[in-house]
C-alpha atoms as a PDB file:
ATOM      1  CA  UNK A   1      41.832  79.082  95.369  1.00  0.00           C
ATOM      2  CA  UNK A   2      43.690  76.228  93.638  1.00  0.00           C
ATOM      3  CA  UNK A   3      47.257  74.929  93.646  1.00  0.00           C
ATOM      4  CA  UNK A   4      49.746  73.834  91.091  1.00  0.00           C
ATOM      5  CA  UNK A   5      52.494  71.664  92.123  1.00  0.00           C
ATOM      6  CA  UNK A   6      55.709  73.207  90.773  1.00  0.00           C
ATOM      7  CA  UNK A   7      58.374  71.026  92.540  1.00  0.00           C
ATOM      8  CA  UNK A   8      59.022  68.287  95.171  1.00  0.00           C
ATOM      9  CA  UNK A   9      61.819  66.624  96.925  1.00  0.00           C
ATOM     10  CA  UNK A  10      62.748  64.025  99.431  1.00  0.00           C
ATOM     11  CA  UNK A  11      65.926  63.649 101.115  1.00  0.00           C
ATOM     12  CA  UNK A  12      67.829  61.668 103.670  1.00  0.00           C
ATOM     13  CA  UNK A  13      71.192  62.023 105.598  1.00  0.00           C
ATOM     14  CA  UNK A  14      72.212  65.205 103.853  1.00  0.00           C
ATOM     15  CA  UNK A  15      74.164  68.315 104.806  1.00  0.00           C
ATOM     16  CA  UNK A  16      71.825  70.676 102.711  1.00  0.00           C
ATOM     17  CA  UNK A  17      68.889  70.523 100.347  1.00  0.00           C
ATOM     18  CA  UNK A  18      66.990  72.887  98.417  1.00  0.00           C
ATOM     19  CA  UNK A  19      63.671  73.406  96.802  1.00  0.00           C
ATOM     20  CA  UNK A  20      63.251  75.945  93.825  1.00  0.00           C
ATOM     21  CA  UNK A  21      60.824  76.699  91.077  1.00  0.00           C
ATOM     22  CA  UNK A  22      59.611  80.263  91.917  1.00  0.00           C
ATOM     23  CA  UNK A  23      59.790  81.802  88.487  1.00  0.00           C
ATOM     24  CA  UNK A  24      56.828  84.775  88.343  1.00  0.00           C
ATOM     25  CA  UNK A  25      55.069  86.936  90.898  1.00  0.00           C
ATOM     26  CA  UNK A  26      52.493  84.778  91.959  1.00  0.00           C
ATOM     27  CA  UNK A  27      52.022  83.584  95.737  1.00  0.00           C
ATOM     28  CA  UNK A  28      53.506  80.242  96.382  1.00  0.00           C
ATOM     29  CA  UNK A  29      52.923  77.770  99.251  1.00  0.00           C
ATOM     30  CA  UNK A  30      55.817  75.849 100.627  1.00  0.00           C
ATOM     31  CA  UNK A  31      54.840  72.580 102.545  1.00  0.00           C
ATOM     32  CA  UNK A  32      57.436  70.996 104.604  1.00  0.00           C
ATOM     33  CA  UNK A  33      57.115  67.773 106.576  1.00  0.00           C
ATOM     34  CA  UNK A  34      58.854  64.782 108.193  1.00  0.00           C
ATOM     35  CA  UNK A  35      61.997  66.989 108.670  1.00  0.00           C
ATOM     36  CA  UNK A  36      64.207  65.536 111.382  1.00  0.00           C
ATOM     37  CA  UNK A  37      68.044  65.434 112.262  1.00  0.00           C
ATOM     38  CA  UNK A  38      70.709  63.083 112.778  1.00  0.00           C
ATOM     39  CA  UNK A  39      71.346  64.596 116.303  1.00  0.00           C
ATOM     40  CA  UNK A  40      69.012  65.432 119.036  1.00  0.00           C
ATOM     41  CA  UNK A  41      68.724  69.201 119.721  1.00  0.00           C
ATOM     42  CA  UNK A  42      70.096  70.129 116.223  1.00  0.00           C
ATOM     43  CA  UNK A  43      68.164  72.834 114.458  1.00  0.00           C
ATOM     44  CA  UNK A  44      67.003  73.186 110.889  1.00  0.00           C
ATOM     45  CA  UNK A  45      68.306  76.443 109.189  1.00  0.00           C
ATOM     46  CA  UNK A  46      66.460  77.985 106.349  1.00  0.00           C
ATOM     47  CA  UNK A  47      67.764  80.507 103.684  1.00  0.00           C
ATOM     48  CA  UNK A  48      66.224  81.824 100.491  1.00  0.00           C
ATOM     49  CA  UNK A  49      68.026  81.003  97.260  1.00  0.00           C
ATOM     50  CA  UNK A  50      69.040  83.536  94.819  1.00  0.00           C
ATOM     51  CA  UNK A  51      67.474  83.455  91.308  1.00  0.00           C
ATOM     52  CA  UNK A  52      70.770  84.180  89.428  1.00  0.00           C
ATOM     53  CA  UNK A  53      72.559  80.914  90.716  1.00  0.00           C
ATOM     54  CA  UNK A  54      69.971  79.146  93.220  1.00  0.00           C
ATOM     55  CA  UNK A  55      72.698  79.596  95.875  1.00  0.00           C
ATOM     56  CA  UNK A  56      71.683  80.346  99.358  1.00  0.00           C
ATOM     57  CA  UNK A  57      71.751  83.977 100.255  1.00  0.00           C
ATOM     58  CA  UNK A  58      74.069  83.894 103.194  1.00  0.00           C
ATOM     59  CA  UNK A  59      74.033  87.602 103.974  1.00  0.00           C
ATOM     60  CA  UNK A  60      73.098  88.956 107.330  1.00  0.00           C
ATOM     61  CA  UNK A  61      69.723  90.510 106.026  1.00  0.00           C
ATOM     62  CA  UNK A  62      66.960  88.147 107.615  1.00  0.00           C
ATOM     63  CA  UNK A  63      64.570  89.762 109.803  1.00  0.00           C
ATOM     64  CA  UNK A  64      61.477  88.195 111.409  1.00  0.00           C
ATOM     65  CA  UNK A  65      59.183  87.805 114.315  1.00  0.00           C
ATOM     66  CA  UNK A  66      57.682  84.629 115.681  1.00  0.00           C
ATOM     67  CA  UNK A  67      55.668  83.288 118.432  1.00  0.00           C
ATOM     68  CA  UNK A  68      56.223  79.876 119.815  1.00  0.00           C
ATOM     69  CA  UNK A  69      53.504  78.120 121.673  1.00  0.00           C
ATOM     70  CA  UNK A  70      54.470  75.131 123.784  1.00  0.00           C
ATOM     71  CA  UNK A  71      51.583  72.824 125.321  1.00  0.00           C
ATOM     72  CA  UNK A  72      53.020  73.266 129.032  1.00  0.00           C
ATOM     73  CA  UNK A  73      54.748  76.793 128.817  1.00  0.00           C
ATOM     74  CA  UNK A  74      54.334  80.121 128.098  1.00  0.00           C
ATOM     75  CA  UNK A  75      54.372  81.689 124.735  1.00  0.00           C
ATOM     76  CA  UNK A  76      57.808  82.996 123.695  1.00  0.00           C
ATOM     77  CA  UNK A  77      58.022  85.982 121.197  1.00  0.00           C
ATOM     78  CA  UNK A  78      61.088  85.982 119.302  1.00  0.00           C
ATOM     79  CA  UNK A  79      62.455  89.151 117.046  1.00  0.00           C
ATOM     80  CA  UNK A  80      65.417  88.924 114.951  1.00  0.00           C
ATOM     81  CA  UNK A  81      67.255  91.155 112.673  1.00  0.00           C
ATOM     82  CA  UNK A  82      70.356  91.003 110.514  1.00  0.00           C
ATOM     83  CA  UNK A  83      70.453  87.274 110.976  1.00  0.00           C
ATOM     84  CA  UNK A  84      71.987  85.022 108.270  1.00  0.00           C
ATOM     85  CA  UNK A  85      69.364  82.382 108.511  1.00  0.00           C
ATOM     86  CA  UNK A  86      65.793  81.268 109.928  1.00  0.00           C
ATOM     87  CA  UNK A  87      66.567  79.108 112.959  1.00  0.00           C
ATOM     88  CA  UNK A  88      63.929  76.292 113.307  1.00  0.00           C
ATOM     89  CA  UNK A  89      62.867  74.398 116.391  1.00  0.00           C
ATOM     90  CA  UNK A  90      65.395  71.914 117.984  1.00  0.00           C
ATOM     91  CA  UNK A  91      64.626  68.542 116.676  1.00  0.00           C
ATOM     92  CA  UNK A  92      64.655  64.774 117.480  1.00  0.00           C
ATOM     93  CA  UNK A  93      66.005  62.019 115.312  1.00  0.00           C
ATOM     94  CA  UNK A  94      62.708  60.276 114.186  1.00  0.00           C
ATOM     95  CA  UNK A  95      59.529  61.098 112.319  1.00  0.00           C
ATOM     96  CA  UNK A  96      57.785  61.232 115.674  1.00  0.00           C
ATOM     97  CA  UNK A  97      60.253  64.249 116.612  1.00  0.00           C
ATOM     98  CA  UNK A  98      59.835  65.873 113.060  1.00  0.00           C
ATOM     99  CA  UNK A  99      58.709  69.415 111.986  1.00  0.00           C
ATOM    100  CA  UNK A 100      55.976  70.162 109.655  1.00  0.00           C
ATOM    101  CA  UNK A 101      55.340  73.562 108.266  1.00  0.00           C
ATOM    102  CA  UNK A 102      53.331  75.750 105.902  1.00  0.00           C
ATOM    103  CA  UNK A 103      54.757  78.790 104.418  1.00  0.00           C
ATOM    104  CA  UNK A 104      53.077  81.384 101.989  1.00  0.00           C
ATOM    105  CA  UNK A 105      55.590  82.920  99.848  1.00  0.00           C
ATOM    106  CA  UNK A 106      55.549  86.589  98.523  1.00  0.00           C
ATOM    107  CA  UNK A 107      57.695  89.081  96.112  1.00  0.00           C
ATOM    108  CA  UNK A 108      60.260  86.219  95.421  1.00  0.00           C
ATOM    109  CA  UNK A 109      60.573  86.923  91.720  1.00  0.00           C
ATOM    110  CA  UNK A 110      60.537  90.639  92.155  1.00  0.00           C
ATOM    111  CA  UNK A 111      63.920  92.255  92.238  1.00  0.00           C
ATOM    112  CA  UNK A 112      62.532  95.508  93.307  1.00  0.00           C
ATOM    113  CA  UNK A 113      60.843  94.159  96.574  1.00  0.00           C
ATOM    114  CA  UNK A 114      61.805  92.359  99.525  1.00  0.00           C
ATOM    115  CA  UNK A 115      61.146  88.443  99.728  1.00  0.00           C
ATOM    116  CA  UNK A 116      58.938  87.452 102.516  1.00  0.00           C
ATOM    117  CA  UNK A 117      57.172  84.512 104.017  1.00  0.00           C
ATOM    118  CA  UNK A 118      54.601  83.797 106.417  1.00  0.00           C
ATOM    119  CA  UNK A 119      55.377  80.864 108.679  1.00  0.00           C
ATOM    120  CA  UNK A 120      53.197  78.122 110.468  1.00  0.00           C
ATOM    121  CA  UNK A 121      55.107  75.485 112.047  1.00  0.00           C
ATOM    122  CA  UNK A 122      54.200  72.356 114.375  1.00  0.00           C
ATOM    123  CA  UNK A 123      56.725  70.078 116.030  1.00  0.00           C
ATOM    124  CA  UNK A 124      57.242  67.616 118.673  1.00  0.00           C
ATOM    125  CA  UNK A 125      61.031  67.624 119.776  1.00  0.00           C
ATOM    126  CA  UNK A 126      63.273  64.890 121.291  1.00  0.00           C
ATOM    127  CA  UNK A 127      62.170  65.959 124.721  1.00  0.00           C
ATOM    128  CA  UNK A 128      58.665  65.284 123.950  1.00  0.00           C
ATOM    129  CA  UNK A 129      57.607  68.812 123.940  1.00  0.00           C
ATOM    130  CA  UNK A 130      54.697  69.743 121.492  1.00  0.00           C
ATOM    131  CA  UNK A 131      55.148  73.408 119.971  1.00  0.00           C
ATOM    132  CA  UNK A 132      53.780  75.460 117.333  1.00  0.00           C
ATOM    133  CA  UNK A 133      55.142  78.505 115.580  1.00  0.00           C
ATOM    134  CA  UNK A 134      53.452  81.370 113.695  1.00  0.00           C
ATOM    135  CA  UNK A 135      55.311  84.436 112.229  1.00  0.00           C
ATOM    136  CA  UNK A 136      57.019  85.794 109.382  1.00  0.00           C
ATOM    137  CA  UNK A 137      60.607  86.200 107.720  1.00  0.00           C
ATOM    138  CA  UNK A 138      61.843  88.813 105.421  1.00  0.00           C
ATOM    139  CA  UNK A 139      64.936  88.941 103.405  1.00  0.00           C
ATOM    140  CA  UNK A 140      65.891  92.660 103.356  1.00  0.00           C
ATOM    141  CA  UNK A 141      67.549  92.773  99.993  1.00  0.00           C
ATOM    142  CA  UNK A 142      66.045  93.835  96.679  1.00  0.00           C
ATOM    143  CA  UNK A 143      66.776  90.806  94.651  1.00  0.00           C
ATOM    144  CA  UNK A 144      64.808  88.029  92.940  1.00  0.00           C
ATOM    145  CA  UNK A 145      64.660  84.888  94.902  1.00  0.00           C
ATOM    146  CA  UNK A 146      63.414  81.402  93.687  1.00  0.00           C
ATOM    147  CA  UNK A 147      63.360  79.038  96.548  1.00  0.00           C
ATOM    148  CA  UNK A 148      64.867  77.762  99.808  1.00  0.00           C
ATOM    149  CA  UNK A 149      67.838  76.005 101.185  1.00  0.00           C
ATOM    150  CA  UNK A 150      68.108  74.175 104.469  1.00  0.00           C
ATOM    151  CA  UNK A 151      71.148  73.046 106.532  1.00  0.00           C
ATOM    152  CA  UNK A 152      71.512  71.696 110.118  1.00  0.00           C
ATOM    153  CA  UNK A 153      72.969  73.473 113.028  1.00  0.00           C
ATOM    154  CA  UNK A 154      74.837  70.286 113.926  1.00  0.00           C
ATOM    155  CA  UNK A 155      75.501  66.944 111.793  1.00  0.00           C
ATOM    156  CA  UNK A 156      73.170  66.271 108.838  1.00  0.00           C
ATOM    157  CA  UNK A 157      69.412  66.440 108.175  1.00  0.00           C
ATOM    158  CA  UNK A 158      68.280  62.837 108.555  1.00  0.00           C
ATOM    159  CA  UNK A 159      64.995  63.438 106.564  1.00  0.00           C
ATOM    160  CA  UNK A 160      62.795  65.990 104.956  1.00  0.00           C
ATOM    161  CA  UNK A 161      59.938  66.266 102.411  1.00  0.00           C
ATOM    162  CA  UNK A 162      59.071  69.473 100.597  1.00  0.00           C
ATOM    163  CA  UNK A 163      56.472  70.420  97.992  1.00  0.00           C
ATOM    164  CA  UNK A 164      56.339  73.970  96.508  1.00  0.00           C
ATOM    165  CA  UNK A 165      52.852  74.991  94.974  1.00  0.00           C
ATOM    166  CA  UNK A 166      51.921  78.022  92.998  1.00  0.00           C
ATOM    167  CA  UNK A 167      48.621  79.414  94.350  1.00  0.00           C
ATOM    168  CA  UNK A 168      45.968  80.388  91.789  1.00  0.00           C
ATOM    169  CA  UNK A 169      43.231  82.745  92.419  1.00  0.00           C
ATOM    170  CA  UNK A 170      39.608  81.285  92.580  1.00  0.00           C
END
């Protein structure tokens, strides 16, 4: 397996940011790191972007399941249906309280299938709690999607870096 970089972005103090570039039926890999917020406890919220105009799909058609694993707590299962975004971990305001994630991306360019991703995330929040998350997210709409958009649950996103890769077979 090899990767071809499609797009990359670095942002600071923004209300939203996007990364796009999915334009065929390949599997893609999104790497997100150093994402932290301007307000303690704020959460990054992710949506898929529509290929027609690269705007966020704000419909209540996001379904998913995740398992959160905290270092000194029990595991937490989360199922969600008919949500209008994917809700990330609560964050802090420095790079030591940031989110890192790897997401594999499927069916985004196929308007006859649901767009979906697998989720692998790690964070240390503003309370100093370390946590990981695994799961998946699906947009239950038959439309082509071309990327991702994030916004904050409160205030702005202080910092984020994202890189999108196309995955090539070995």
